[in-house]
Amino acid sequence: MISQNFLFGVVMDKNSQNKILFPQNLHTHTTFCDGKDDCESIVKKAIEIGFTGIGFSGHSNADYIHSKSKMPPEVTELYKKEIAF
């Protein structure tokens, strides 16, 4: 679940020197490979819990990857269209 796997982006406020945190997940899998949620559900959940950024990542179809969760080329094309919204 997205809410259990997040990172904080950090920037320094130039005026106060305070750290400003941006909750985000930049490594999110979807049902296109081994994730449990579709893209739209993930984005809605990210907004709900206050994320400022979300990054999708899928398992490559490279020959050197030997995994049941890698995406075949035709699924990779669908995935790229889905995350480009």
C-alpha atoms as a PDB file:
ATOM      1  CA  MET A   1       0.000   0.000   0.000  1.00  0.00           C
ATOM      2  CA  ILE A   2       1.284   3.419  -0.927  1.00  0.00           C
ATOM      3  CA  SER A   3       0.852   4.960   2.527  1.00  0.00           C
ATOM      4  CA  GLN A   4       3.343   2.521   4.036  1.00  0.00           C
ATOM      5  CA  ASN A   5       6.111   3.244   1.554  1.00  0.00           C
ATOM      6  CA  PHE A   6       6.953   6.910   1.294  1.00  0.00           C
ATOM      7  CA  LEU A   7       9.894   9.248   1.394  1.00  0.00           C
ATOM      8  CA  PHE A   8      10.276  12.901   2.179  1.00  0.00           C
ATOM      9  CA  GLY A   9      11.752  15.376  -0.232  1.00  0.00           C
ATOM     10  CA  VAL A  10      13.516  18.065   1.777  1.00  0.00           C
ATOM     11  CA  VAL A  11      14.373  21.642   0.903  1.00  0.00           C
ATOM     12  CA  MET A  12      15.739  24.402   3.091  1.00  0.00           C
ATOM     13  CA  ASP A  13      13.740  27.602   3.471  1.00  0.00           C
ATOM     14  CA  LYS A  14      16.249  30.334   2.567  1.00  0.00           C
ATOM     15  CA  ASN A  15      14.747  32.859   4.980  1.00  0.00           C
ATOM     16  CA  SER A  16      14.278  30.778   8.108  1.00  0.00           C
ATOM     17  CA  GLN A  17      16.738  27.928   7.411  1.00  0.00           C
ATOM     18  CA  ASN A  18      13.955  25.499   8.366  1.00  0.00           C
ATOM     19  CA  LYS A  19      13.586  22.231   6.526  1.00  0.00           C
ATOM     20  CA  ILE A  20      10.418  21.886   4.480  1.00  0.00           C
ATOM     21  CA  LEU A  21       9.280  18.276   3.997  1.00  0.00           C
ATOM     22  CA  PHE A  22       7.422  17.018   0.959  1.00  0.00           C
ATOM     23  CA  PRO A  23       5.930  13.539   1.466  1.00  0.00           C
ATOM     24  CA  GLN A  24       6.145  11.501  -1.704  1.00  0.00           C
ATOM     25  CA  ASN A  25       6.716   8.049  -3.136  1.00  0.00           C
ATOM     26  CA  LEU A  26       8.963   7.916  -6.170  1.00  0.00           C
ATOM     27  CA  HIS A  27       9.007   4.132  -6.580  1.00  0.00           C
ATOM     28  CA  THR A  28       5.417   2.922  -6.931  1.00  0.00           C
ATOM     29  CA  HIS A  29       4.389  -0.317  -8.643  1.00  0.00           C
ATOM     30  CA  THR A  30       0.969  -0.822 -10.214  1.00  0.00           C
ATOM     31  CA  THR A  31      -1.074  -3.810 -11.311  1.00  0.00           C
ATOM     32  CA  PHE A  32       0.841  -3.678 -14.598  1.00  0.00           C
ATOM     33  CA  CYS A  33       3.630  -5.587 -12.849  1.00  0.00           C
ATOM     34  CA  ASP A  34       3.575  -6.691  -9.189  1.00  0.00           C
ATOM     35  CA  GLY A  35       1.659  -3.826  -7.551  1.00  0.00           C
ATOM     36  CA  LYS A  36      -1.717  -4.236  -5.888  1.00  0.00           C
ATOM     37  CA  ASP A  37      -3.441  -1.046  -7.097  1.00  0.00           C
ATOM     38  CA  ASP A  38      -4.137   0.593 -10.451  1.00  0.00           C
ATOM     39  CA  CYS A  39      -2.682   3.992 -11.368  1.00  0.00           C
ATOM     40  CA  GLU A  40      -5.817   6.006 -10.659  1.00  0.00           C
ATOM     41  CA  SER A  41      -6.307   4.455  -7.207  1.00  0.00           C
ATOM     42  CA  ILE A  42      -2.690   5.182  -6.323  1.00  0.00           C
ATOM     43  CA  VAL A  43      -2.959   8.828  -7.376  1.00  0.00           C
ATOM     44  CA  LYS A  44      -6.207   9.283  -5.434  1.00  0.00           C
ATOM     45  CA  LYS A  45      -4.651   7.737  -2.311  1.00  0.00           C
ATOM     46  CA  ALA A  46      -1.530   9.891  -2.686  1.00  0.00           C
ATOM     47  CA  ILE A  47      -3.686  13.021  -2.802  1.00  0.00           C
ATOM     48  CA  GLU A  48      -5.785  11.817   0.137  1.00  0.00           C
ATOM     49  CA  ILE A  49      -2.762  11.346   2.399  1.00  0.00           C
ATOM     50  CA  GLY A  50      -1.118  14.596   1.344  1.00  0.00           C
ATOM     51  CA  PHE A  51       1.661  13.480  -0.961  1.00  0.00           C
ATOM     52  CA  THR A  52       3.256  16.226  -3.030  1.00  0.00           C
ATOM     53  CA  GLY A  53       4.707  13.814  -5.563  1.00  0.00           C
ATOM     54  CA  ILE A  54       4.234  10.309  -6.894  1.00  0.00           C
ATOM     55  CA  GLY A  55       6.523   8.379  -9.216  1.00  0.00           C
ATOM     56  CA  PHE A  56       5.522   5.209 -11.008  1.00  0.00           C
ATOM     57  CA  SER A  57       8.035   2.470 -11.722  1.00  0.00           C
ATOM     58  CA  GLY A  58       7.473  -0.781 -13.522  1.00  0.00           C
ATOM     59  CA  HIS A  59       9.610  -3.854 -13.969  1.00  0.00           C
ATOM     60  CA  SER A  60      11.552  -3.646 -17.193  1.00  0.00           C
ATOM     61  CA  ASN A  61      11.249  -6.169 -19.962  1.00  0.00           C
ATOM     62  CA  ALA A  62      15.041  -6.278 -20.408  1.00  0.00           C
ATOM     63  CA  ASP A  63      16.521  -9.664 -21.304  1.00  0.00           C
ATOM     64  CA  TYR A  64      18.734  -9.676 -18.206  1.00  0.00           C
ATOM     65  CA  ILE A  65      15.742  -9.485 -15.857  1.00  0.00           C
ATOM     66  CA  HIS A  66      14.475 -12.921 -14.893  1.00  0.00           C
ATOM     67  CA  SER A  67      11.309 -12.186 -12.988  1.00  0.00           C
ATOM     68  CA  LYS A  68       7.685 -13.228 -13.275  1.00  0.00           C
ATOM     69  CA  SER A  69       6.691  -9.617 -12.622  1.00  0.00           C
ATOM     70  CA  LYS A  70       8.473  -8.036 -15.599  1.00  0.00           C
ATOM     71  CA  MET A  71       6.156  -6.451 -18.152  1.00  0.00           C
ATOM     72  CA  PRO A  72       6.040  -7.834 -21.696  1.00  0.00           C
ATOM     73  CA  PRO A  73       6.440  -5.210 -24.471  1.00  0.00           C
ATOM     74  CA  GLU A  74       2.719  -4.906 -25.206  1.00  0.00           C
ATOM     75  CA  VAL A  75       1.930  -4.351 -21.517  1.00  0.00           C
ATOM     76  CA  THR A  76       4.796  -1.859 -21.260  1.00  0.00           C
ATOM     77  CA  GLU A  77       3.186   0.237 -23.999  1.00  0.00           C
ATOM     78  CA  LEU A  78      -0.177   0.216 -22.178  1.00  0.00           C
ATOM     79  CA  TYR A  79       1.606   1.123 -18.937  1.00  0.00           C
ATOM     80  CA  LYS A  80       3.380   4.090 -20.538  1.00  0.00           C
ATOM     81  CA  LYS A  81       0.066   5.409 -21.887  1.00  0.00           C
ATOM     82  CA  GLU A  82      -1.627   4.982 -18.522  1.00  0.00           C
ATOM     83  CA  ILE A  83       0.990   6.838 -16.482  1.00  0.00           C
ATOM     84  CA  ALA A  84       1.228   9.666 -19.025  1.00  0.00           C
ATOM     85  CA  PHE A  85      -2.167  11.107 -18.026  1.00  0.00           C
END
